[in-house]
């Protein structure tokens, strides 16, 4: 019913000298101990730093990604109440000037006349700064300070498809966030007691065609910081999962596949997210907004349906107590890529 997942407790490199997966890196860690020293594998390396910040009124997201033959940077916002949504994406062929770091908590930046994103990590904080001169015909400027509590655990896991097809992902949840996002004359302030950031750091060697589901949430519920992270399809059959729950910074790893059940002809219908064999995870997800992002630039085609909505249900913890989830704001997505 459950996978036997090895826990990594000491620093390790992701790849060997030939650019193949280092067997010692297969497993999960509660801290970012894995150095993603990707090399060789010409045109197959995929790297990204994705941030999503849940404010009280606004969801704000910024990503820098490098897919070997192009850099793709995108920023989007969603005002929960008005459902104002806008996304700006810039693609730079080759993108040799963008250097993606090998460690999770390192700095990266993208600078362009149309869009500047800076993710600076210093002294236990990530400073996320974004400036866009034309964002839905207005100027966008974001200045967010994301705190990494020193005792918090995170999900850092290596998914082994084979020695030459694999992915390291780091999911850091419930990171208190302060600062502001200003769009034209409208300013959104972020209170660290109720605003939380999620980091999705990915480094891997991917097949030409890939498909996955990801569900996540980071909110304060009943006075506690609660984070949810579930992945599907890509991890199936690998012996590893991207499934975990965070309570006040402590991670409960879920060693079982999670099944996403949803209507791909209408993503706005309710989703079910459940563990494959047991009742450990039993959640429904009710969307209120659908973000569709498609890229079609000759050799690269991707389509993302990211739903924003509310999770309800319960999760069985290791001590046999139940974590009840009620109206928890978060996202669930389907991602199909040919890259």
Protein backbone atom coordinates (compact mmCIF):
# COMPACT_ATOMS: atom_id res chain seq x y z
CA UNK A 1 0.00 0.00 0.00
CA UNK A 2 2.76 2.43 0.83
CA UNK A 3 6.15 3.10 -0.65
CA UNK A 4 9.31 2.57 1.38
CA UNK A 5 10.85 5.99 0.94
CA UNK A 6 14.41 6.52 2.08
CA UNK A 7 15.02 9.65 4.15
CA UNK A 8 18.15 11.63 3.28
CA UNK A 9 19.82 13.27 6.25
CA UNK A 10 23.19 14.43 4.85
CA UNK A 11 24.13 16.63 1.86
CA UNK A 12 24.30 14.81 -1.47
CA UNK A 13 24.69 15.70 -5.15
CA UNK A 14 21.87 14.91 -7.57
CA UNK A 15 24.10 13.71 -10.43
CA UNK A 16 27.27 11.73 -10.91
CA UNK A 17 30.21 12.77 -13.11
CA UNK A 18 28.43 11.47 -16.23
CA UNK A 19 25.31 13.55 -15.61
CA UNK A 20 23.31 10.49 -14.58
CA UNK A 21 21.19 10.24 -11.45
CA UNK A 22 23.24 9.58 -8.35
CA UNK A 23 21.56 6.60 -6.60
CA UNK A 24 22.48 8.11 -3.21
CA UNK A 25 20.18 11.07 -4.01
CA UNK A 26 17.03 8.98 -4.38
CA UNK A 27 14.76 9.71 -1.43
CA UNK A 28 13.31 12.64 0.46
CA UNK A 29 14.75 15.15 2.91
CA UNK A 30 13.20 17.51 5.42
CA UNK A 31 15.70 20.21 4.51
CA UNK A 32 17.23 21.26 1.15
CA UNK A 33 20.25 18.95 1.35
CA UNK A 34 20.34 17.96 -2.34
CA UNK A 35 22.61 19.91 -4.69
CA UNK A 36 21.17 19.87 -8.20
CA UNK A 37 24.41 19.70 -10.19
CA UNK A 38 22.75 19.03 -13.55
CA UNK A 39 25.24 18.57 -16.39
CA UNK A 40 25.43 17.14 -19.93
CA UNK A 41 21.99 15.88 -21.16
CA UNK A 42 21.98 18.46 -23.95
CA UNK A 43 18.57 20.11 -24.41
CA UNK A 44 16.89 17.88 -21.80
CA UNK A 45 17.53 19.85 -18.61
CA UNK A 46 14.56 21.65 -17.02
CA UNK A 47 15.04 24.17 -14.21
CA UNK A 48 12.58 26.48 -12.50
CA UNK A 49 11.97 28.64 -9.43
CA UNK A 50 8.24 29.22 -9.01
CA UNK A 51 6.81 31.37 -6.25
CA UNK A 52 3.12 31.66 -5.35
CA UNK A 53 2.10 34.06 -2.59
CA UNK A 54 -1.36 33.89 -1.04
CA UNK A 55 -2.29 37.30 0.32
CA UNK A 56 -5.55 38.17 2.00
CA UNK A 57 -6.89 39.83 -1.17
CA UNK A 58 -4.46 38.86 -3.91
CA UNK A 59 -2.66 35.78 -5.21
CA UNK A 60 0.68 36.77 -6.73
CA UNK A 61 3.02 34.49 -8.63
CA UNK A 62 6.42 34.87 -10.31
CA UNK A 63 8.53 32.24 -12.08
CA UNK A 64 11.93 32.04 -13.70
CA UNK A 65 12.40 28.85 -15.72
CA UNK A 66 15.15 27.57 -18.01
CA UNK A 67 14.40 24.67 -20.37
CA UNK A 68 17.91 24.56 -21.93
CA UNK A 69 16.93 26.13 -25.24
CA UNK A 70 14.89 29.01 -23.81
CA UNK A 71 14.23 31.01 -20.68
CA UNK A 72 10.57 31.54 -19.84
CA UNK A 73 9.64 34.07 -17.18
CA UNK A 74 6.05 34.78 -16.17
CA UNK A 75 4.16 36.77 -13.57
CA UNK A 76 0.45 36.66 -12.81
CA UNK A 77 -2.05 38.05 -10.31
CA UNK A 78 -5.55 37.12 -9.20
CA UNK A 79 -7.76 39.42 -7.11
CA UNK A 80 -10.01 36.98 -5.24
CA UNK A 81 -12.99 39.33 -4.93
CA UNK A 82 -13.10 40.97 -8.36
CA UNK A 83 -11.44 38.00 -10.11
CA UNK A 84 -9.27 40.43 -12.00
CA UNK A 85 -6.56 38.26 -13.56
CA UNK A 86 -3.61 39.11 -15.73
CA UNK A 87 -0.47 37.26 -16.78
CA UNK A 88 2.70 38.53 -18.44
CA UNK A 89 5.11 36.05 -20.04
CA UNK A 90 8.47 36.63 -21.69
CA UNK A 91 10.42 33.97 -23.62
CA UNK A 92 14.10 34.42 -24.50
CA UNK A 93 15.72 31.86 -26.85
CA UNK A 94 18.73 30.13 -25.27
CA UNK A 95 18.86 32.64 -22.39
CA UNK A 96 22.54 32.18 -21.62
CA UNK A 97 22.58 35.23 -19.36
CA UNK A 98 20.21 33.58 -16.84
CA UNK A 99 22.07 31.38 -14.37
CA UNK A 100 19.89 28.96 -12.42
CA UNK A 101 21.42 28.09 -9.02
CA UNK A 102 22.23 24.53 -7.96
CA UNK A 103 20.92 24.97 -4.41
CA UNK A 104 17.34 25.67 -3.37
CA UNK A 105 17.97 28.77 -1.27
CA UNK A 106 20.14 30.76 -3.63
CA UNK A 107 19.47 33.91 -5.63
CA UNK A 108 18.33 34.14 -9.23
CA UNK A 109 17.24 37.03 -11.43
CA UNK A 110 15.76 37.77 -14.84
CA UNK A 111 16.25 41.22 -16.35
CA UNK A 112 14.54 42.44 -19.48
CA UNK A 113 13.15 45.76 -20.73
CA UNK A 114 9.63 44.36 -20.34
CA UNK A 115 9.96 42.45 -17.09
CA UNK A 116 12.40 42.22 -14.20
CA UNK A 117 12.18 39.51 -11.55
CA UNK A 118 14.70 39.23 -8.72
CA UNK A 119 14.68 36.45 -6.13
CA UNK A 120 17.41 37.29 -3.61
CA UNK A 121 17.95 34.95 -0.68
CA UNK A 122 19.81 36.50 2.23
CA UNK A 123 19.84 35.99 6.00
CA UNK A 124 16.89 33.62 6.14
CA UNK A 125 14.68 35.67 3.83
CA UNK A 126 13.83 35.70 0.16
CA UNK A 127 13.33 39.19 -1.22
CA UNK A 128 11.02 38.85 -4.23
CA UNK A 129 11.09 41.99 -6.34
CA UNK A 130 9.20 42.37 -9.62
CA UNK A 131 8.87 45.38 -11.93
CA UNK A 132 6.82 45.37 -15.14
CA UNK A 133 6.33 48.69 -17.04
CA UNK A 134 3.26 47.42 -18.93
CA UNK A 135 1.13 44.99 -16.96
CA UNK A 136 -2.42 45.16 -18.31
CA UNK A 137 -1.66 48.78 -19.36
CA UNK A 138 -0.43 49.66 -15.87
CA UNK A 139 2.86 49.59 -13.98
CA UNK A 140 3.35 46.65 -11.64
CA UNK A 141 5.83 46.75 -8.82
CA UNK A 142 6.08 44.06 -6.15
CA UNK A 143 8.35 44.09 -3.11
CA UNK A 144 7.81 41.03 -0.92
CA UNK A 145 9.87 39.74 2.01
CA UNK A 146 9.41 36.00 2.48
CA UNK A 147 10.61 34.55 5.79
CA UNK A 148 12.05 31.03 6.03
CA UNK A 149 11.52 30.09 9.70
CA UNK A 150 14.76 28.37 10.77
CA UNK A 151 13.06 25.34 12.34
CA UNK A 152 10.58 24.74 9.52
CA UNK A 153 10.77 21.52 7.52
CA UNK A 154 10.26 21.35 3.76
CA UNK A 155 9.64 18.63 1.18
CA UNK A 156 12.74 17.89 -0.88
CA UNK A 157 12.37 14.77 -3.00
CA UNK A 158 14.06 13.08 -5.94
CA UNK A 159 11.74 11.27 -8.35
CA UNK A 160 13.65 8.52 -10.23
CA UNK A 161 12.12 7.49 -13.55
CA UNK A 162 15.49 6.08 -14.61
CA UNK A 163 19.20 6.93 -14.36
CA UNK A 164 18.77 9.51 -17.15
CA UNK A 165 15.19 10.67 -16.50
CA UNK A 166 14.63 12.16 -13.06
CA UNK A 167 13.51 15.23 -11.14
CA UNK A 168 14.47 16.93 -7.91
CA UNK A 169 11.71 19.08 -6.48
CA UNK A 170 11.67 21.24 -3.36
CA UNK A 171 8.30 22.39 -2.04
CA UNK A 172 8.59 24.96 0.75
CA UNK A 173 5.26 25.88 2.35
CA UNK A 174 3.64 28.32 4.79
CA UNK A 175 6.42 30.92 4.54
CA UNK A 176 5.22 34.16 6.22
CA UNK A 177 5.25 37.05 3.76
CA UNK A 178 5.19 40.82 4.18
CA UNK A 179 5.41 43.68 1.72
CA UNK A 180 3.21 44.91 -1.10
CA UNK A 181 2.15 44.53 -4.71
CA UNK A 182 1.18 47.73 -6.51
CA UNK A 183 -0.64 47.73 -9.86
CA UNK A 184 -1.26 51.24 -11.12
CA UNK A 185 -2.89 53.08 -8.21
CA UNK A 186 -4.08 49.89 -6.51
CA UNK A 187 -1.90 48.63 -3.65
CA UNK A 188 -2.19 45.23 -1.96
CA UNK A 189 -0.45 44.86 1.39
CA UNK A 190 0.70 41.49 2.74
CA UNK A 191 0.50 40.73 6.47
CA UNK A 192 2.88 37.91 7.52
CA UNK A 193 0.32 36.59 10.02
CA UNK A 194 -2.08 35.73 7.20
CA UNK A 195 -0.04 35.83 3.97
CA UNK A 196 2.03 32.79 3.02
CA UNK A 197 4.35 31.93 0.16
CA UNK A 198 5.00 28.59 -1.51
CA UNK A 199 8.24 27.81 -3.34
CA UNK A 200 8.36 25.17 -6.08
CA UNK A 201 12.00 24.60 -7.03
CA UNK A 202 12.56 22.07 -9.80
CA UNK A 203 15.69 20.65 -11.42
CA UNK A 204 15.66 17.58 -13.61
CA UNK A 205 16.17 15.66 -16.83
CA UNK A 206 12.76 15.21 -18.40
CA UNK A 207 11.32 13.08 -21.21
CA UNK A 208 10.04 14.79 -24.34
CA UNK A 209 6.43 14.31 -23.20
CA UNK A 210 5.33 14.77 -19.61
CA UNK A 211 2.09 15.15 -17.66
CA UNK A 212 1.44 15.80 -14.02
CA UNK A 213 -1.02 17.01 -11.38
CA UNK A 214 -0.11 19.25 -8.47
CA UNK A 215 -2.29 20.45 -5.61
CA UNK A 216 -1.11 22.81 -2.90
CA UNK A 217 -2.28 25.20 -0.23
CA UNK A 218 -0.66 27.27 2.53
CA UNK A 219 -2.98 29.02 4.95
CA UNK A 220 -3.63 29.68 8.61
CA UNK A 221 -6.38 27.38 9.89
CA UNK A 222 -7.50 27.34 13.51
CA UNK A 223 -4.46 29.35 14.56
CA UNK A 224 -1.98 26.95 12.91
CA UNK A 225 0.07 27.30 9.73
CA UNK A 226 -1.14 24.47 7.49
CA UNK A 227 0.43 23.44 4.19
CA UNK A 228 -0.76 20.79 1.73
CA UNK A 229 1.28 19.33 -1.14
CA UNK A 230 0.11 16.52 -3.43
CA UNK A 231 1.43 15.31 -6.78
CA UNK A 232 0.27 12.74 -9.28
CA UNK A 233 0.92 11.02 -12.62
CA UNK A 234 4.60 11.98 -12.98
CA UNK A 235 5.52 10.17 -9.77
CA UNK A 236 3.43 7.03 -10.40
CA UNK A 237 5.49 3.85 -10.40
CA UNK A 238 8.71 5.49 -9.18
CA UNK A 239 8.51 4.43 -5.54
CA UNK A 240 8.57 8.09 -4.43
CA UNK A 241 5.81 10.65 -3.87
CA UNK A 242 5.51 14.42 -3.58
CA UNK A 243 2.84 14.10 -0.91
CA UNK A 244 3.12 15.84 2.45
CA UNK A 245 1.28 17.88 5.05
CA UNK A 246 2.82 20.70 7.09
CA UNK A 247 1.58 21.83 10.51
CA UNK A 248 3.39 24.80 12.05
CA UNK A 249 6.47 23.95 9.99
CA UNK A 250 6.60 20.23 10.86
CA UNK A 251 6.19 17.88 7.88
CA UNK A 252 4.22 14.64 7.79
CA UNK A 253 5.40 12.69 4.73
CA UNK A 254 2.69 10.61 3.01
CA UNK A 255 4.24 7.47 1.52
CA UNK A 256 1.37 6.60 -0.80
CA UNK A 257 0.28 7.64 -4.28
CA UNK A 258 -2.53 10.18 -4.53
CA UNK A 259 -5.17 9.96 -7.25
CA UNK A 260 -6.64 13.11 -8.81
CA UNK A 261 -10.17 12.64 -10.17
CA UNK A 262 -11.54 15.53 -12.24
CA UNK A 263 -13.41 16.39 -15.42
CA UNK A 264 -10.90 17.35 -18.12
CA UNK A 265 -13.75 18.60 -20.31
CA UNK A 266 -14.71 21.08 -17.57
CA UNK A 267 -11.96 21.72 -15.03
CA UNK A 268 -14.31 23.94 -13.00
CA UNK A 269 -16.24 20.90 -11.81
CA UNK A 270 -15.34 19.59 -8.36
CA UNK A 271 -12.12 17.56 -7.99
CA UNK A 272 -11.41 14.59 -5.73
CA UNK A 273 -7.93 14.06 -4.28
CA UNK A 274 -7.53 10.75 -2.45
CA UNK A 275 -4.80 8.30 -1.50
CA UNK A 276 -4.81 5.27 -3.80
CA UNK A 277 -5.38 2.47 -1.28
CA UNK A 278 -6.23 4.00 2.10
CA UNK A 279 -8.31 6.81 3.55
CA UNK A 280 -5.22 8.81 4.59
CA UNK A 281 -6.12 11.66 2.21
CA UNK A 282 -9.75 12.35 1.38
CA UNK A 283 -10.26 15.83 -0.05
CA UNK A 284 -12.59 17.61 -2.40
CA UNK A 285 -11.49 20.72 -4.25
CA UNK A 286 -14.07 23.24 -5.44
CA UNK A 287 -12.67 25.75 -7.96
CA UNK A 288 -13.83 29.33 -8.39
CA UNK A 289 -11.28 30.40 -11.02
CA UNK A 290 -9.43 28.72 -13.88
CA UNK A 291 -6.08 29.94 -15.19
CA UNK A 292 -5.20 28.56 -18.61
CA UNK A 293 -1.64 29.02 -19.81
CA UNK A 294 -0.52 27.67 -23.16
CA UNK A 295 2.88 27.91 -24.84
CA UNK A 296 3.39 26.91 -28.46
CA UNK A 297 6.80 27.93 -29.80
CA UNK A 298 7.71 25.33 -32.42
CA UNK A 299 9.50 22.61 -30.43
CA UNK A 300 7.85 23.54 -27.13
CA UNK A 301 4.17 23.06 -26.40
CA UNK A 302 2.72 23.23 -22.91
CA UNK A 303 -0.79 23.58 -21.54
CA UNK A 304 -1.60 24.30 -17.92
CA UNK A 305 -5.01 24.36 -16.31
CA UNK A 306 -4.46 25.78 -12.83
CA UNK A 307 -7.58 26.05 -10.71
CA UNK A 308 -7.92 28.30 -7.69
CA UNK A 309 -10.46 27.19 -5.13
CA UNK A 310 -11.14 25.64 -1.75
CA UNK A 311 -10.16 22.30 -0.21
CA UNK A 312 -12.47 20.42 2.15
CA UNK A 313 -12.06 17.04 3.81
CA UNK A 314 -9.66 15.34 6.16
CA UNK A 315 -6.18 13.86 6.34
CA UNK A 316 -5.14 11.06 8.68
CA UNK A 317 -1.90 11.89 10.46
CA UNK A 318 0.78 9.51 11.74
CA UNK A 319 -0.55 9.66 15.30
CA UNK A 320 -3.98 8.57 13.98
CA UNK A 321 -5.50 11.98 14.64
CA UNK A 322 -7.41 13.65 11.80
CA UNK A 323 -6.56 17.01 10.30
CA UNK A 324 -9.84 18.54 9.23
CA UNK A 325 -9.67 20.87 6.24
CA UNK A 326 -12.47 23.41 5.84
CA UNK A 327 -12.63 26.01 3.08
CA UNK A 328 -8.85 26.10 2.66
CA UNK A 329 -7.76 28.32 -0.22
CA UNK A 330 -5.34 26.73 -2.65
CA UNK A 331 -4.66 25.50 -6.18
CA UNK A 332 -4.87 22.30 -8.17
CA UNK A 333 -3.58 21.83 -11.70
CA UNK A 334 -3.11 19.65 -14.73
CA UNK A 335 0.08 20.27 -16.71
CA UNK A 336 0.83 18.67 -20.09
CA UNK A 337 4.17 19.41 -21.74
CA UNK A 338 5.97 18.50 -24.95
CA UNK A 339 9.39 20.04 -24.45
